[in-house]
Amino acid sequence: MKILFTAALLFAPMFLPQPALAQPNARGLVAINRPQVELRDLFSGLGQQGSLVLGPAPAPGQRIFVGTAQLSAIAEEYGIGWQSHGVDMQVIIERPGQPLSRATITAAIATALQDAGAPAHCAITLPDFTPPMVPPDASP
């Protein structure tokens, strides 16, 4: 009797209804704040597989557009059960950024020059300055 009860406990989970696995869906617009694109950025419902790195993220303040053909190829390569069903899809991955001001850059250069032995009164000019975009939490 004890063996029968133990066997029932072991095999009972096999007969309980199992939750249906969510079908992966292509995402629409995704904002990431890291240097690489992961599989979960393109498709939802992937579980642990979603943390696989696909490649570099867009530069801060930029976007990457991933179209239907590329989504299908990635889904096939990684064994994801996603299909476009003839619908033109795209995922837009954007990485937030903020412009680094001229004053911030000039101050950082002045500090570096002084640390290297330059006089404190040196003039720094940045002609045709275009502020670079950096991640929101970056510091010079």
C-alpha atoms as a PDB file:
ATOM      1  CA  MET A   1       0.000   0.000   0.000  1.00  0.00           C
ATOM      2  CA  LYS A   2       2.854   2.352   0.878  1.00  0.00           C
ATOM      3  CA  ILE A   3       4.512   1.705  -2.515  1.00  0.00           C
ATOM      4  CA  LEU A   4       1.246   2.385  -4.330  1.00  0.00           C
ATOM      5  CA  PHE A   5       0.810   5.701  -2.486  1.00  0.00           C
ATOM      6  CA  THR A   6       4.408   6.748  -3.284  1.00  0.00           C
ATOM      7  CA  ALA A   7       3.946   5.850  -6.951  1.00  0.00           C
ATOM      8  CA  ALA A   8       0.735   7.873  -7.061  1.00  0.00           C
ATOM      9  CA  LEU A   9       2.559  10.913  -5.660  1.00  0.00           C
ATOM     10  CA  LEU A  10       5.373  10.561  -8.192  1.00  0.00           C
ATOM     11  CA  PHE A  11       3.178  10.201 -11.256  1.00  0.00           C
ATOM     12  CA  ALA A  12       0.288  12.498 -10.285  1.00  0.00           C
ATOM     13  CA  PRO A  13       1.868  15.606 -11.881  1.00  0.00           C
ATOM     14  CA  MET A  14       1.853  13.820 -15.246  1.00  0.00           C
ATOM     15  CA  PHE A  15      -1.939  13.658 -15.178  1.00  0.00           C
ATOM     16  CA  LEU A  16      -2.612  17.201 -14.008  1.00  0.00           C
ATOM     17  CA  PRO A  17      -3.444  19.770 -16.681  1.00  0.00           C
ATOM     18  CA  GLN A  18      -0.314  21.528 -17.883  1.00  0.00           C
ATOM     19  CA  PRO A  19      -0.361  25.251 -18.658  1.00  0.00           C
ATOM     20  CA  ALA A  20      -0.100  25.964 -22.358  1.00  0.00           C
ATOM     21  CA  LEU A  21       3.175  27.505 -23.403  1.00  0.00           C
ATOM     22  CA  ALA A  22       2.759  31.021 -24.696  1.00  0.00           C
ATOM     23  CA  GLN A  23       3.301  31.349 -28.414  1.00  0.00           C
ATOM     24  CA  PRO A  24       6.247  33.669 -29.077  1.00  0.00           C
ATOM     25  CA  ASN A  25       5.257  37.008 -30.542  1.00  0.00           C
ATOM     26  CA  ALA A  26       7.367  39.571 -32.328  1.00  0.00           C
ATOM     27  CA  ARG A  27       7.597  42.744 -30.314  1.00  0.00           C
ATOM     28  CA  GLY A  28       6.881  46.159 -31.793  1.00  0.00           C
ATOM     29  CA  LEU A  29       8.990  48.912 -30.265  1.00  0.00           C
ATOM     30  CA  VAL A  30      11.586  47.946 -27.665  1.00  0.00           C
ATOM     31  CA  ALA A  31      13.817  50.289 -25.666  1.00  0.00           C
ATOM     32  CA  ILE A  32      17.000  48.776 -24.243  1.00  0.00           C
ATOM     33  CA  ASN A  33      19.734  50.338 -22.162  1.00  0.00           C
ATOM     34  CA  ARG A  34      22.566  47.860 -22.637  1.00  0.00           C
ATOM     35  CA  PRO A  35      25.271  47.337 -25.242  1.00  0.00           C
ATOM     36  CA  GLN A  36      23.824  44.156 -26.775  1.00  0.00           C
ATOM     37  CA  VAL A  37      20.565  42.943 -28.297  1.00  0.00           C
ATOM     38  CA  GLU A  38      19.131  39.793 -26.769  1.00  0.00           C
ATOM     39  CA  LEU A  39      16.632  37.350 -28.258  1.00  0.00           C
ATOM     40  CA  ARG A  40      13.941  38.559 -25.819  1.00  0.00           C
ATOM     41  CA  ASP A  41      14.189  42.011 -27.398  1.00  0.00           C
ATOM     42  CA  LEU A  42      12.713  40.581 -30.596  1.00  0.00           C
ATOM     43  CA  PHE A  43      10.269  37.955 -29.291  1.00  0.00           C
ATOM     44  CA  SER A  44       8.141  37.663 -26.167  1.00  0.00           C
ATOM     45  CA  GLY A  45       7.457  34.436 -24.280  1.00  0.00           C
ATOM     46  CA  LEU A  46      10.897  32.819 -24.594  1.00  0.00           C
ATOM     47  CA  GLY A  47      11.816  32.058 -20.986  1.00  0.00           C
ATOM     48  CA  GLN A  48      15.522  31.519 -20.328  1.00  0.00           C
ATOM     49  CA  GLN A  49      16.305  31.307 -24.042  1.00  0.00           C
ATOM     50  CA  GLY A  50      15.469  35.007 -24.260  1.00  0.00           C
ATOM     51  CA  SER A  51      18.772  36.022 -22.670  1.00  0.00           C
ATOM     52  CA  LEU A  52      20.824  34.786 -25.643  1.00  0.00           C
ATOM     53  CA  VAL A  53      22.867  37.641 -27.106  1.00  0.00           C
ATOM     54  CA  LEU A  54      22.304  38.285 -30.814  1.00  0.00           C
ATOM     55  CA  GLY A  55      24.711  41.143 -31.405  1.00  0.00           C
ATOM     56  CA  PRO A  56      25.522  44.757 -30.652  1.00  0.00           C
ATOM     57  CA  ALA A  57      22.787  47.195 -29.711  1.00  0.00           C
ATOM     58  CA  PRO A  58      22.287  50.425 -31.588  1.00  0.00           C
ATOM     59  CA  ALA A  59      24.440  53.339 -30.512  1.00  0.00           C
ATOM     60  CA  PRO A  60      22.883  55.552 -27.819  1.00  0.00           C
ATOM     61  CA  GLY A  61      20.128  57.666 -29.347  1.00  0.00           C
ATOM     62  CA  GLN A  62      19.832  55.349 -32.381  1.00  0.00           C
ATOM     63  CA  ARG A  63      17.443  52.635 -33.604  1.00  0.00           C
ATOM     64  CA  ILE A  64      17.678  49.299 -35.383  1.00  0.00           C
ATOM     65  CA  PHE A  65      14.842  48.070 -37.600  1.00  0.00           C
ATOM     66  CA  VAL A  66      14.472  44.285 -37.835  1.00  0.00           C
ATOM     67  CA  GLY A  67      12.144  43.286 -40.673  1.00  0.00           C
ATOM     68  CA  THR A  68      10.084  40.184 -41.350  1.00  0.00           C
ATOM     69  CA  ALA A  69      12.755  38.292 -43.301  1.00  0.00           C
ATOM     70  CA  GLN A  70      15.354  38.810 -40.592  1.00  0.00           C
ATOM     71  CA  LEU A  71      12.869  37.947 -37.814  1.00  0.00           C
ATOM     72  CA  SER A  72      11.980  34.718 -39.638  1.00  0.00           C
ATOM     73  CA  ALA A  73      15.645  33.794 -40.103  1.00  0.00           C
ATOM     74  CA  ILE A  74      16.413  34.438 -36.424  1.00  0.00           C
ATOM     75  CA  ALA A  75      13.347  32.466 -35.302  1.00  0.00           C
ATOM     76  CA  GLU A  76      14.376  29.529 -37.483  1.00  0.00           C
ATOM     77  CA  GLU A  77      18.019  29.640 -36.369  1.00  0.00           C
ATOM     78  CA  TYR A  78      17.085  29.590 -32.675  1.00  0.00           C
ATOM     79  CA  GLY A  79      14.185  27.143 -32.984  1.00  0.00           C
ATOM     80  CA  ILE A  80      11.505  29.645 -32.021  1.00  0.00           C
ATOM     81  CA  GLY A  81       8.003  28.750 -33.139  1.00  0.00           C
ATOM     82  CA  TRP A  82       7.249  32.134 -34.677  1.00  0.00           C
ATOM     83  CA  GLN A  83       5.902  32.803 -38.147  1.00  0.00           C
ATOM     84  CA  SER A  84       4.822  36.023 -39.778  1.00  0.00           C
ATOM     85  CA  HIS A  85       1.768  34.365 -41.405  1.00  0.00           C
ATOM     86  CA  GLY A  86       2.264  36.579 -44.443  1.00  0.00           C
ATOM     87  CA  VAL A  87       2.032  39.798 -42.446  1.00  0.00           C
ATOM     88  CA  ASP A  88       4.820  42.327 -42.889  1.00  0.00           C
ATOM     89  CA  MET A  89       6.294  42.760 -39.406  1.00  0.00           C
ATOM     90  CA  GLN A  90       9.141  44.719 -37.930  1.00  0.00           C
ATOM     91  CA  VAL A  91      10.662  45.184 -34.520  1.00  0.00           C
ATOM     92  CA  ILE A  92      12.245  48.517 -33.700  1.00  0.00           C
ATOM     93  CA  ILE A  93      14.967  48.417 -31.071  1.00  0.00           C
ATOM     94  CA  GLU A  94      15.968  51.787 -29.733  1.00  0.00           C
ATOM     95  CA  ARG A  95      18.588  52.714 -27.211  1.00  0.00           C
ATOM     96  CA  PRO A  96      18.018  55.900 -25.252  1.00  0.00           C
ATOM     97  CA  GLY A  97      20.745  58.470 -25.281  1.00  0.00           C
ATOM     98  CA  GLN A  98      21.509  61.954 -24.142  1.00  0.00           C
ATOM     99  CA  PRO A  99      23.807  64.493 -25.757  1.00  0.00           C
ATOM    100  CA  LEU A 100      27.018  65.229 -23.913  1.00  0.00           C
ATOM    101  CA  SER A 101      27.314  69.001 -23.645  1.00  0.00           C
ATOM    102  CA  ARG A 102      30.265  71.077 -24.828  1.00  0.00           C
ATOM    103  CA  ALA A 103      30.808  72.294 -21.242  1.00  0.00           C
ATOM    104  CA  THR A 104      30.968  68.742 -19.883  1.00  0.00           C
ATOM    105  CA  ILE A 105      33.446  67.653 -22.539  1.00  0.00           C
ATOM    106  CA  THR A 106      35.571  70.790 -22.153  1.00  0.00           C
ATOM    107  CA  ALA A 107      35.720  70.317 -18.366  1.00  0.00           C
ATOM    108  CA  ALA A 108      36.757  66.661 -18.750  1.00  0.00           C
ATOM    109  CA  ILE A 109      39.484  67.580 -21.267  1.00  0.00           C
ATOM    110  CA  ALA A 110      40.758  70.417 -19.041  1.00  0.00           C
ATOM    111  CA  THR A 111      40.976  68.076 -16.056  1.00  0.00           C
ATOM    112  CA  ALA A 112      42.816  65.434 -18.089  1.00  0.00           C
ATOM    113  CA  LEU A 113      45.250  68.025 -19.484  1.00  0.00           C
ATOM    114  CA  GLN A 114      45.959  69.458 -16.032  1.00  0.00           C
ATOM    115  CA  ASP A 115      46.469  65.953 -14.632  1.00  0.00           C
ATOM    116  CA  ALA A 116      49.001  65.426 -17.426  1.00  0.00           C
ATOM    117  CA  GLY A 117      50.870  68.617 -16.468  1.00  0.00           C
ATOM    118  CA  ALA A 118      49.304  71.287 -18.700  1.00  0.00           C
ATOM    119  CA  PRO A 119      48.872  74.766 -17.206  1.00  0.00           C
ATOM    120  CA  ALA A 120      45.490  75.515 -15.639  1.00  0.00           C
ATOM    121  CA  HIS A 121      44.957  78.547 -17.876  1.00  0.00           C
ATOM    122  CA  CYS A 122      45.125  76.694 -21.224  1.00  0.00           C
ATOM    123  CA  ALA A 123      42.288  77.376 -23.664  1.00  0.00           C
ATOM    124  CA  ILE A 124      40.290  74.540 -25.163  1.00  0.00           C
ATOM    125  CA  THR A 125      38.303  75.077 -28.340  1.00  0.00           C
ATOM    126  CA  LEU A 126      36.065  72.564 -30.036  1.00  0.00           C
ATOM    127  CA  PRO A 127      35.268  73.899 -33.516  1.00  0.00           C
ATOM    128  CA  ASP A 128      32.268  72.436 -35.339  1.00  0.00           C
ATOM    129  CA  PHE A 129      31.180  70.733 -32.134  1.00  0.00           C
ATOM    130  CA  THR A 130      28.493  68.087 -32.472  1.00  0.00           C
ATOM    131  CA  PRO A 131      27.530  66.640 -29.109  1.00  0.00           C
ATOM    132  CA  PRO A 132      27.993  62.875 -28.977  1.00  0.00           C
ATOM    133  CA  MET A 133      25.129  60.755 -27.709  1.00  0.00           C
ATOM    134  CA  VAL A 134      25.881  58.692 -24.623  1.00  0.00           C
ATOM    135  CA  PRO A 135      23.791  56.315 -22.496  1.00  0.00           C
ATOM    136  CA  PRO A 136      21.620  58.199 -19.988  1.00  0.00           C
ATOM    137  CA  ASP A 137      23.677  57.023 -17.003  1.00  0.00           C
ATOM    138  CA  ALA A 138      27.109  57.696 -18.551  1.00  0.00           C
ATOM    139  CA  SER A 139      29.615  60.106 -17.091  1.00  0.00           C
ATOM    140  CA  PRO A 140      32.612  61.669 -18.856  1.00  0.00           C
END
